[in-house]
């Protein structure tokens, strides 16, 4: 029939992890036209509220987020990814309240002030000065004499890293 979309039965059998993988793959395809843009994270909440965080080496515009949102919504509806189109979709760049997740995010924020929470519970604030695949370098300034303490933290020992706003 003209205008009818055939939906594979397996879509209805997807669990949350499979949905995240499917949405991540589709988002990656849509971002491929701009190699500087990348997917940070897909979250699906129990109410079928889908939040997708995208970023770019040079940042990401609101127009880009709106475009990706529209294309994903169209895909969700065509494939009936959520029964009866029962979902909400938000596509945005990660805000300052979202921790850094990817090496690309760390790289684009070299030179900025960050707060690192280590797995052992310690908090360290300082300027992000370097990034490798395994670790980050941080310069912490302490005391009245503004002593510079250099740190190297293995990524595996970091619970979260958040950008700090400096006024």
N, C-alpha and C. Protein backbone atom coordinates (compact mmCIF):
# COMPACT_ATOMS: atom_id res chain seq x y z
N UNK A 1 0.83 -1.17 0.00
CA UNK A 1 0.00 0.00 0.00
C UNK A 1 0.88 1.24 0.00
N UNK A 2 0.47 2.23 -0.74
CA UNK A 2 1.22 3.47 -0.82
C UNK A 2 1.16 4.23 0.50
N UNK A 3 2.32 4.69 0.97
CA UNK A 3 2.39 5.47 2.19
C UNK A 3 2.40 4.64 3.47
N UNK A 4 2.40 3.32 3.32
CA UNK A 4 2.42 2.45 4.49
C UNK A 4 3.86 2.08 4.81
N UNK A 5 4.20 2.14 6.08
CA UNK A 5 5.53 1.74 6.52
C UNK A 5 5.44 0.37 7.15
N UNK A 6 6.29 -0.52 6.70
CA UNK A 6 6.35 -1.85 7.28
C UNK A 6 7.36 -1.81 8.41
N UNK A 7 6.94 -2.21 9.58
CA UNK A 7 7.79 -2.16 10.76
C UNK A 7 8.27 -3.56 11.10
N UNK A 8 9.58 -3.75 11.16
CA UNK A 8 10.07 -5.06 11.57
C UNK A 8 9.62 -5.38 12.99
N UNK A 9 9.20 -6.61 13.21
CA UNK A 9 8.68 -7.03 14.52
C UNK A 9 9.72 -6.89 15.62
N UNK A 10 11.03 -7.04 15.27
CA UNK A 10 12.07 -7.00 16.31
C UNK A 10 12.13 -5.68 17.04
N UNK A 11 11.67 -4.60 16.41
CA UNK A 11 11.72 -3.29 17.06
C UNK A 11 10.92 -3.31 18.36
N UNK A 12 9.80 -4.04 18.37
CA UNK A 12 8.97 -4.08 19.57
C UNK A 12 9.60 -4.91 20.68
N UNK A 13 10.61 -5.69 20.35
CA UNK A 13 11.24 -6.56 21.33
C UNK A 13 12.52 -5.97 21.91
N UNK A 14 12.86 -4.74 21.55
CA UNK A 14 14.12 -4.14 22.00
C UNK A 14 14.04 -3.76 23.48
N UNK A 15 15.14 -4.03 24.19
CA UNK A 15 15.22 -3.54 25.55
C UNK A 15 15.87 -2.15 25.52
N UNK A 16 16.02 -1.53 26.68
CA UNK A 16 16.54 -0.18 26.74
C UNK A 16 17.94 -0.05 26.13
N UNK A 17 18.82 -1.02 26.43
CA UNK A 17 20.18 -0.97 25.88
C UNK A 17 20.16 -1.08 24.36
N UNK A 18 19.31 -1.92 23.83
CA UNK A 18 19.20 -2.07 22.38
C UNK A 18 18.65 -0.80 21.73
N UNK A 19 17.67 -0.17 22.40
CA UNK A 19 17.14 1.10 21.90
C UNK A 19 18.23 2.16 21.87
N UNK A 20 19.01 2.22 22.94
CA UNK A 20 20.10 3.20 23.00
C UNK A 20 21.10 2.94 21.87
N UNK A 21 21.44 1.69 21.63
CA UNK A 21 22.37 1.36 20.54
C UNK A 21 21.78 1.75 19.19
N UNK A 22 20.51 1.48 18.98
CA UNK A 22 19.85 1.81 17.71
C UNK A 22 19.82 3.31 17.49
N UNK A 23 19.44 4.06 18.54
CA UNK A 23 19.36 5.52 18.45
C UNK A 23 20.75 6.12 18.29
N UNK A 24 21.73 5.56 18.99
CA UNK A 24 23.12 6.04 18.86
C UNK A 24 23.62 5.86 17.44
N UNK A 25 23.35 4.70 16.86
CA UNK A 25 23.80 4.43 15.49
C UNK A 25 23.15 5.40 14.50
N UNK A 26 21.86 5.62 14.64
CA UNK A 26 21.14 6.54 13.73
C UNK A 26 21.66 7.96 13.91
N UNK A 27 21.87 8.37 15.16
CA UNK A 27 22.39 9.72 15.41
C UNK A 27 23.78 9.87 14.80
N UNK A 28 24.62 8.85 14.94
CA UNK A 28 25.95 8.87 14.34
C UNK A 28 25.88 9.05 12.82
N UNK A 29 24.94 8.36 12.19
CA UNK A 29 24.75 8.51 10.73
C UNK A 29 24.39 9.96 10.39
N UNK A 30 23.49 10.54 11.17
CA UNK A 30 23.04 11.91 10.90
C UNK A 30 24.14 12.95 11.15
N UNK A 31 25.05 12.64 12.05
CA UNK A 31 26.15 13.57 12.36
C UNK A 31 27.33 13.43 11.39
N UNK A 32 27.31 12.38 10.58
CA UNK A 32 28.45 12.08 9.70
C UNK A 32 28.73 13.17 8.68
N UNK A 33 27.75 14.01 8.37
CA UNK A 33 27.97 15.07 7.37
C UNK A 33 28.86 16.19 7.90
N UNK A 34 29.11 16.22 9.19
CA UNK A 34 30.00 17.22 9.80
C UNK A 34 30.96 16.47 10.72
N UNK A 35 32.16 16.11 10.22
CA UNK A 35 33.10 15.29 10.99
C UNK A 35 33.50 15.88 12.35
N UNK A 36 33.31 17.17 12.55
CA UNK A 36 33.65 17.79 13.82
C UNK A 36 32.58 17.58 14.88
N UNK A 37 31.40 17.09 14.48
CA UNK A 37 30.31 16.86 15.43
C UNK A 37 30.32 15.40 15.87
N UNK A 38 29.88 15.16 17.11
CA UNK A 38 29.90 13.80 17.63
C UNK A 38 28.82 13.60 18.68
N UNK A 39 28.43 12.35 18.84
CA UNK A 39 27.45 11.96 19.84
C UNK A 39 28.15 11.80 21.18
N UNK A 40 27.58 12.38 22.21
CA UNK A 40 28.13 12.24 23.56
C UNK A 40 27.39 11.13 24.30
N UNK A 41 26.05 11.19 24.29
CA UNK A 41 25.31 10.23 25.09
C UNK A 41 23.84 10.21 24.68
N UNK A 42 23.23 9.04 24.83
CA UNK A 42 21.79 8.87 24.66
C UNK A 42 21.25 8.35 25.98
N UNK A 43 20.22 9.00 26.51
CA UNK A 43 19.55 8.55 27.73
C UNK A 43 18.08 8.32 27.41
N UNK A 44 17.54 7.22 27.91
CA UNK A 44 16.10 6.96 27.78
C UNK A 44 15.54 6.75 29.18
N UNK A 45 14.57 7.57 29.53
CA UNK A 45 13.94 7.49 30.84
C UNK A 45 12.69 6.62 30.75
N UNK A 46 12.20 6.10 31.88
CA UNK A 46 11.05 5.19 31.86
C UNK A 46 9.81 5.73 31.15
N UNK A 47 9.68 7.03 31.05
CA UNK A 47 8.51 7.63 30.39
C UNK A 47 8.73 7.79 28.88
N UNK A 48 9.75 7.12 28.35
CA UNK A 48 10.14 7.24 26.94
C UNK A 48 10.58 8.66 26.59
N UNK A 49 11.12 9.34 27.57
CA UNK A 49 11.74 10.64 27.33
C UNK A 49 13.17 10.34 26.88
N UNK A 50 13.47 10.65 25.62
CA UNK A 50 14.78 10.38 25.04
C UNK A 50 15.57 11.68 25.02
N UNK A 51 16.74 11.65 25.67
CA UNK A 51 17.63 12.82 25.67
C UNK A 51 18.90 12.43 24.95
N UNK A 52 19.25 13.22 23.96
CA UNK A 52 20.45 12.97 23.17
C UNK A 52 21.35 14.19 23.29
N UNK A 53 22.58 13.94 23.70
CA UNK A 53 23.56 15.01 23.82
C UNK A 53 24.56 14.88 22.68
N UNK A 54 24.68 15.96 21.90
CA UNK A 54 25.66 16.00 20.82
C UNK A 54 26.59 17.18 21.08
N UNK A 55 27.77 17.10 20.54
CA UNK A 55 28.73 18.18 20.72
C UNK A 55 29.56 18.28 19.45
N UNK A 56 30.43 19.24 19.42
CA UNK A 56 31.31 19.42 18.27
C UNK A 56 32.65 19.95 18.73
N UNK A 57 33.66 19.66 17.95
CA UNK A 57 35.00 20.14 18.29
C UNK A 57 35.01 21.67 18.38
N UNK A 58 34.11 22.31 17.63
CA UNK A 58 33.98 23.77 17.67
C UNK A 58 32.64 24.17 18.28
N UNK A 59 32.04 23.27 19.05
CA UNK A 59 30.72 23.51 19.62
C UNK A 59 29.64 23.07 18.63
N UNK A 60 28.40 23.16 19.05
CA UNK A 60 27.28 22.77 18.20
C UNK A 60 26.20 23.83 18.33
N UNK A 61 25.58 24.17 17.21
CA UNK A 61 24.57 25.24 17.22
C UNK A 61 23.19 24.70 17.56
N UNK A 62 22.33 25.61 17.95
CA UNK A 62 20.93 25.25 18.22
C UNK A 62 20.28 24.75 16.93
N UNK A 63 20.59 25.39 15.81
CA UNK A 63 20.03 24.95 14.53
C UNK A 63 20.41 23.51 14.21
N UNK A 64 21.63 23.15 14.54
CA UNK A 64 22.08 21.77 14.31
C UNK A 64 21.29 20.80 15.19
N UNK A 65 21.08 21.16 16.44
CA UNK A 65 20.29 20.31 17.35
C UNK A 65 18.87 20.16 16.85
N UNK A 66 18.26 21.25 16.38
CA UNK A 66 16.89 21.21 15.87
C UNK A 66 16.81 20.30 14.64
N UNK A 67 17.80 20.42 13.76
CA UNK A 67 17.81 19.58 12.53
C UNK A 67 17.91 18.10 12.89
N UNK A 68 18.81 17.76 13.78
CA UNK A 68 18.98 16.36 14.19
C UNK A 68 17.70 15.86 14.88
N UNK A 69 17.09 16.71 15.70
CA UNK A 69 15.85 16.35 16.37
C UNK A 69 14.76 16.01 15.35
N UNK A 70 14.61 16.85 14.36
CA UNK A 70 13.57 16.61 13.33
C UNK A 70 13.82 15.32 12.56
N UNK A 71 15.08 15.09 12.19
CA UNK A 71 15.40 13.88 11.43
C UNK A 71 15.20 12.62 12.27
N UNK A 72 15.57 12.68 13.54
CA UNK A 72 15.36 11.53 14.42
C UNK A 72 13.87 11.29 14.67
N UNK A 73 13.10 12.35 14.88
CA UNK A 73 11.65 12.21 15.08
C UNK A 73 11.02 11.52 13.88
N UNK A 74 11.42 11.95 12.70
CA UNK A 74 10.90 11.33 11.47
C UNK A 74 11.25 9.84 11.44
N UNK A 75 12.48 9.52 11.79
CA UNK A 75 12.91 8.12 11.81
C UNK A 75 12.12 7.32 12.85
N UNK A 76 11.95 7.87 14.03
CA UNK A 76 11.20 7.18 15.09
C UNK A 76 9.78 6.87 14.63
N UNK A 77 9.16 7.85 13.96
CA UNK A 77 7.78 7.67 13.51
C UNK A 77 7.69 6.67 12.36
N UNK A 78 8.63 6.74 11.41
CA UNK A 78 8.61 5.82 10.27
C UNK A 78 8.85 4.38 10.69
N UNK A 79 9.70 4.17 11.67
CA UNK A 79 10.01 2.81 12.11
C UNK A 79 9.17 2.38 13.30
N UNK A 80 8.33 3.28 13.79
CA UNK A 80 7.51 3.03 14.98
C UNK A 80 8.37 2.47 16.12
N UNK A 81 9.47 3.15 16.34
CA UNK A 81 10.42 2.75 17.37
C UNK A 81 9.78 2.71 18.75
N UNK A 82 8.84 3.62 18.99
CA UNK A 82 8.08 3.64 20.24
C UNK A 82 6.62 3.43 19.88
N UNK A 83 5.97 2.47 20.53
CA UNK A 83 4.56 2.19 20.21
C UNK A 83 3.70 3.44 20.32
N UNK A 84 2.83 3.62 19.33
CA UNK A 84 1.88 4.75 19.29
C UNK A 84 2.59 6.09 19.37
N UNK A 85 3.84 6.15 18.90
CA UNK A 85 4.64 7.39 18.96
C UNK A 85 4.61 8.01 20.34
N UNK A 86 4.67 7.14 21.36
CA UNK A 86 4.63 7.58 22.76
C UNK A 86 6.05 7.85 23.25
N UNK A 87 6.57 9.02 22.91
CA UNK A 87 7.92 9.40 23.32
C UNK A 87 8.04 10.92 23.28
N UNK A 88 9.04 11.42 23.95
CA UNK A 88 9.45 12.81 23.77
C UNK A 88 10.94 12.78 23.47
N UNK A 89 11.39 13.71 22.67
CA UNK A 89 12.78 13.72 22.21
C UNK A 89 13.38 15.10 22.44
N UNK A 90 14.54 15.10 23.08
CA UNK A 90 15.31 16.33 23.28
C UNK A 90 16.72 16.09 22.73
N UNK A 91 17.15 16.97 21.84
CA UNK A 91 18.51 16.92 21.33
C UNK A 91 19.17 18.24 21.71
N UNK A 92 20.29 18.15 22.43
CA UNK A 92 20.98 19.37 22.85
C UNK A 92 22.47 19.08 23.03
N UNK A 93 23.20 20.16 23.22
CA UNK A 93 24.59 19.98 23.62
C UNK A 93 24.58 19.74 25.13
N UNK A 94 25.59 19.05 25.65
CA UNK A 94 25.61 18.85 27.10
C UNK A 94 25.80 20.19 27.80
N UNK A 95 25.04 20.43 28.82
CA UNK A 95 25.17 21.67 29.57
C UNK A 95 26.33 21.58 30.56
N UNK A 96 26.57 22.66 31.25
CA UNK A 96 27.66 22.68 32.22
C UNK A 96 27.42 21.73 33.39
N UNK A 97 26.16 21.34 33.58
CA UNK A 97 25.87 20.41 34.68
C UNK A 97 26.14 18.96 34.29
N UNK A 98 26.40 18.71 33.01
CA UNK A 98 26.71 17.36 32.54
C UNK A 98 28.22 17.13 32.60
N UNK A 99 28.66 16.03 33.19
CA UNK A 99 30.10 15.76 33.24
C UNK A 99 30.66 15.42 31.86
N UNK A 100 31.96 15.64 31.70
CA UNK A 100 32.63 15.25 30.46
C UNK A 100 32.64 13.72 30.38
N UNK A 101 32.40 13.19 29.19
CA UNK A 101 32.31 11.75 29.02
C UNK A 101 33.34 11.20 28.04
N UNK A 102 33.72 12.02 27.06
CA UNK A 102 34.57 11.53 25.98
C UNK A 102 35.90 12.29 25.93
N UNK A 103 36.92 11.62 25.42
CA UNK A 103 38.24 12.25 25.25
C UNK A 103 38.11 13.52 24.40
N UNK A 104 37.25 13.48 23.38
CA UNK A 104 37.06 14.67 22.54
C UNK A 104 36.57 15.86 23.35
N UNK A 105 35.72 15.61 24.33
CA UNK A 105 35.23 16.69 25.19
C UNK A 105 36.36 17.23 26.05
N UNK A 106 37.16 16.34 26.60
CA UNK A 106 38.31 16.79 27.39
C UNK A 106 39.23 17.64 26.52
N UNK A 107 39.54 17.17 25.32
CA UNK A 107 40.45 17.90 24.43
C UNK A 107 39.95 19.30 24.11
N UNK A 108 38.65 19.42 23.83
CA UNK A 108 38.14 20.75 23.46
C UNK A 108 38.09 21.70 24.64
N UNK A 109 38.25 21.17 25.86
CA UNK A 109 38.19 22.01 27.05
C UNK A 109 39.54 22.23 27.72
N UNK A 110 40.62 21.88 27.04
CA UNK A 110 41.96 22.17 27.56
C UNK A 110 42.08 23.68 27.76
N UNK A 111 42.60 24.05 28.91
CA UNK A 111 42.75 25.47 29.25
C UNK A 111 41.63 26.00 30.13
N UNK A 112 40.56 25.23 30.28
CA UNK A 112 39.44 25.66 31.11
C UNK A 112 39.56 25.11 32.52
N UNK A 113 38.89 25.78 33.44
CA UNK A 113 38.86 25.32 34.83
C UNK A 113 37.83 24.19 34.94
N UNK A 114 38.24 23.11 35.63
CA UNK A 114 37.37 21.96 35.82
C UNK A 114 37.39 21.53 37.28
N UNK A 115 36.36 20.79 37.65
CA UNK A 115 36.33 20.14 38.95
C UNK A 115 36.33 18.64 38.70
N UNK A 116 37.30 17.96 39.26
CA UNK A 116 37.43 16.52 39.10
C UNK A 116 37.05 15.86 40.42
N UNK A 117 36.09 14.94 40.33
CA UNK A 117 35.74 14.13 41.49
C UNK A 117 36.34 12.74 41.25
N UNK A 118 37.22 12.36 42.16
CA UNK A 118 37.88 11.06 42.03
C UNK A 118 37.02 9.97 42.67
N UNK A 119 37.28 8.75 42.29
CA UNK A 119 36.52 7.62 42.81
C UNK A 119 36.64 7.54 44.33
N UNK A 120 37.79 7.97 44.87
CA UNK A 120 37.97 7.92 46.33
C UNK A 120 37.25 9.06 47.06
N UNK A 121 36.52 9.91 46.31
CA UNK A 121 35.73 10.98 46.92
C UNK A 121 36.40 12.34 46.94
N UNK A 122 37.70 12.40 46.66
CA UNK A 122 38.39 13.70 46.66
C UNK A 122 37.90 14.56 45.51
N UNK A 123 37.85 15.88 45.75
CA UNK A 123 37.53 16.87 44.73
C UNK A 123 38.76 17.72 44.48
N UNK A 124 39.11 17.90 43.23
CA UNK A 124 40.26 18.73 42.88
C UNK A 124 39.81 19.69 41.78
N UNK A 125 40.03 20.99 42.01
CA UNK A 125 39.73 22.00 41.00
C UNK A 125 41.02 22.53 40.43
N UNK A 126 41.02 22.78 39.14
CA UNK A 126 42.19 23.34 38.51
C UNK A 126 41.99 23.50 37.02
N UNK A 127 43.05 23.93 36.37
CA UNK A 127 43.00 24.13 34.92
C UNK A 127 43.41 22.84 34.23
N UNK A 128 42.58 22.40 33.28
CA UNK A 128 42.87 21.23 32.49
C UNK A 128 43.98 21.60 31.51
N UNK A 129 45.13 20.93 31.62
CA UNK A 129 46.28 21.31 30.79
C UNK A 129 46.69 20.26 29.77
N UNK A 130 46.19 19.05 29.90
CA UNK A 130 46.57 18.02 28.94
C UNK A 130 45.66 16.81 29.04
N UNK A 131 45.61 16.06 27.93
CA UNK A 131 44.75 14.88 27.85
C UNK A 131 45.44 13.81 27.02
N UNK A 132 45.40 12.58 27.50
CA UNK A 132 45.80 11.43 26.70
C UNK A 132 44.64 10.44 26.70
N UNK A 133 44.80 9.32 26.06
CA UNK A 133 43.75 8.30 26.06
C UNK A 133 43.55 7.70 27.45
N UNK A 134 44.56 7.81 28.33
CA UNK A 134 44.49 7.18 29.64
C UNK A 134 44.36 8.14 30.81
N UNK A 135 44.73 9.43 30.61
CA UNK A 135 44.80 10.33 31.76
C UNK A 135 44.58 11.79 31.36
N UNK A 136 44.42 12.61 32.41
CA UNK A 136 44.36 14.06 32.20
C UNK A 136 45.39 14.73 33.11
N UNK A 137 45.85 15.89 32.69
CA UNK A 137 46.75 16.72 33.49
C UNK A 137 45.98 17.93 33.97
N UNK A 138 46.22 18.29 35.22
CA UNK A 138 45.51 19.38 35.85
C UNK A 138 46.49 20.22 36.64
N UNK A 139 46.34 21.55 36.60
CA UNK A 139 47.13 22.46 37.43
C UNK A 139 46.21 23.07 38.47
N UNK A 140 46.49 22.75 39.73
CA UNK A 140 45.72 23.28 40.85
C UNK A 140 46.52 24.42 41.47
N UNK A 141 45.83 25.51 41.80
CA UNK A 141 46.50 26.64 42.47
C UNK A 141 46.01 26.67 43.91
N UNK A 142 47.00 26.64 44.85
CA UNK A 142 46.65 26.56 46.28
C UNK A 142 47.29 27.69 47.06
N UNK A 143 46.57 28.12 48.07
CA UNK A 143 47.11 29.04 49.07
C UNK A 143 47.27 30.47 48.62
N UNK A 144 47.71 31.29 49.59
CA UNK A 144 47.91 32.71 49.33
C UNK A 144 49.06 32.96 48.37
N UNK A 145 50.03 32.06 48.39
CA UNK A 145 51.19 32.23 47.51
C UNK A 145 50.92 31.70 46.11
N UNK A 146 49.71 31.19 45.91
CA UNK A 146 49.28 30.67 44.61
C UNK A 146 50.26 29.63 44.08
N UNK A 147 50.56 28.68 44.95
CA UNK A 147 51.43 27.56 44.59
C UNK A 147 50.73 26.70 43.54
N UNK A 148 51.44 26.37 42.47
CA UNK A 148 50.88 25.54 41.41
C UNK A 148 51.25 24.08 41.68
N UNK A 149 50.22 23.25 41.79
CA UNK A 149 50.42 21.82 41.99
C UNK A 149 49.93 21.11 40.74
N UNK A 150 50.83 20.33 40.15
CA UNK A 150 50.47 19.61 38.93
C UNK A 150 50.02 18.20 39.28
N UNK A 151 48.89 17.81 38.68
CA UNK A 151 48.32 16.48 38.90
C UNK A 151 48.21 15.75 37.57
N UNK A 152 48.32 14.45 37.64
CA UNK A 152 48.00 13.58 36.51
C UNK A 152 47.06 12.51 37.05
N UNK A 153 45.84 12.50 36.53
CA UNK A 153 44.84 11.55 37.00
C UNK A 153 44.52 10.55 35.89
N UNK A 154 44.58 9.27 36.23
CA UNK A 154 44.13 8.24 35.29
C UNK A 154 42.62 8.36 35.14
N UNK A 155 42.13 8.24 33.92
CA UNK A 155 40.69 8.34 33.69
C UNK A 155 39.92 7.29 34.50
N UNK A 156 40.52 6.13 34.68
CA UNK A 156 39.85 5.07 35.43
C UNK A 156 39.64 5.42 36.90
N UNK A 157 40.37 6.44 37.39
CA UNK A 157 40.23 6.86 38.79
C UNK A 157 39.32 8.08 38.95
N UNK A 158 38.75 8.55 37.83
CA UNK A 158 37.90 9.73 37.86
C UNK A 158 36.43 9.31 37.83
N UNK A 159 35.69 9.84 38.80
CA UNK A 159 34.24 9.59 38.82
C UNK A 159 33.54 10.55 37.87
N UNK A 160 33.81 11.86 38.02
CA UNK A 160 33.23 12.87 37.12
C UNK A 160 34.21 14.03 36.94
N UNK A 161 34.07 14.69 35.81
CA UNK A 161 34.79 15.94 35.56
C UNK A 161 33.77 16.92 35.00
N UNK A 162 33.68 18.08 35.66
CA UNK A 162 32.72 19.10 35.21
C UNK A 162 33.46 20.42 34.96
N UNK A 163 33.02 21.12 33.93
CA UNK A 163 33.55 22.44 33.63
C UNK A 163 33.06 23.42 34.70
N UNK A 164 33.94 24.30 35.13
CA UNK A 164 33.59 25.32 36.12
C UNK A 164 33.53 26.67 35.41
N UNK A 165 32.50 27.42 35.70
CA UNK A 165 32.35 28.75 35.11
C UNK A 165 33.15 29.74 35.92
N UNK A 166 33.99 30.52 35.24
CA UNK A 166 34.81 31.53 35.90
C UNK A 166 34.30 32.89 35.51
N UNK A 167 33.97 33.71 36.53
CA UNK A 167 33.45 35.06 36.26
C UNK A 167 34.54 36.07 36.44
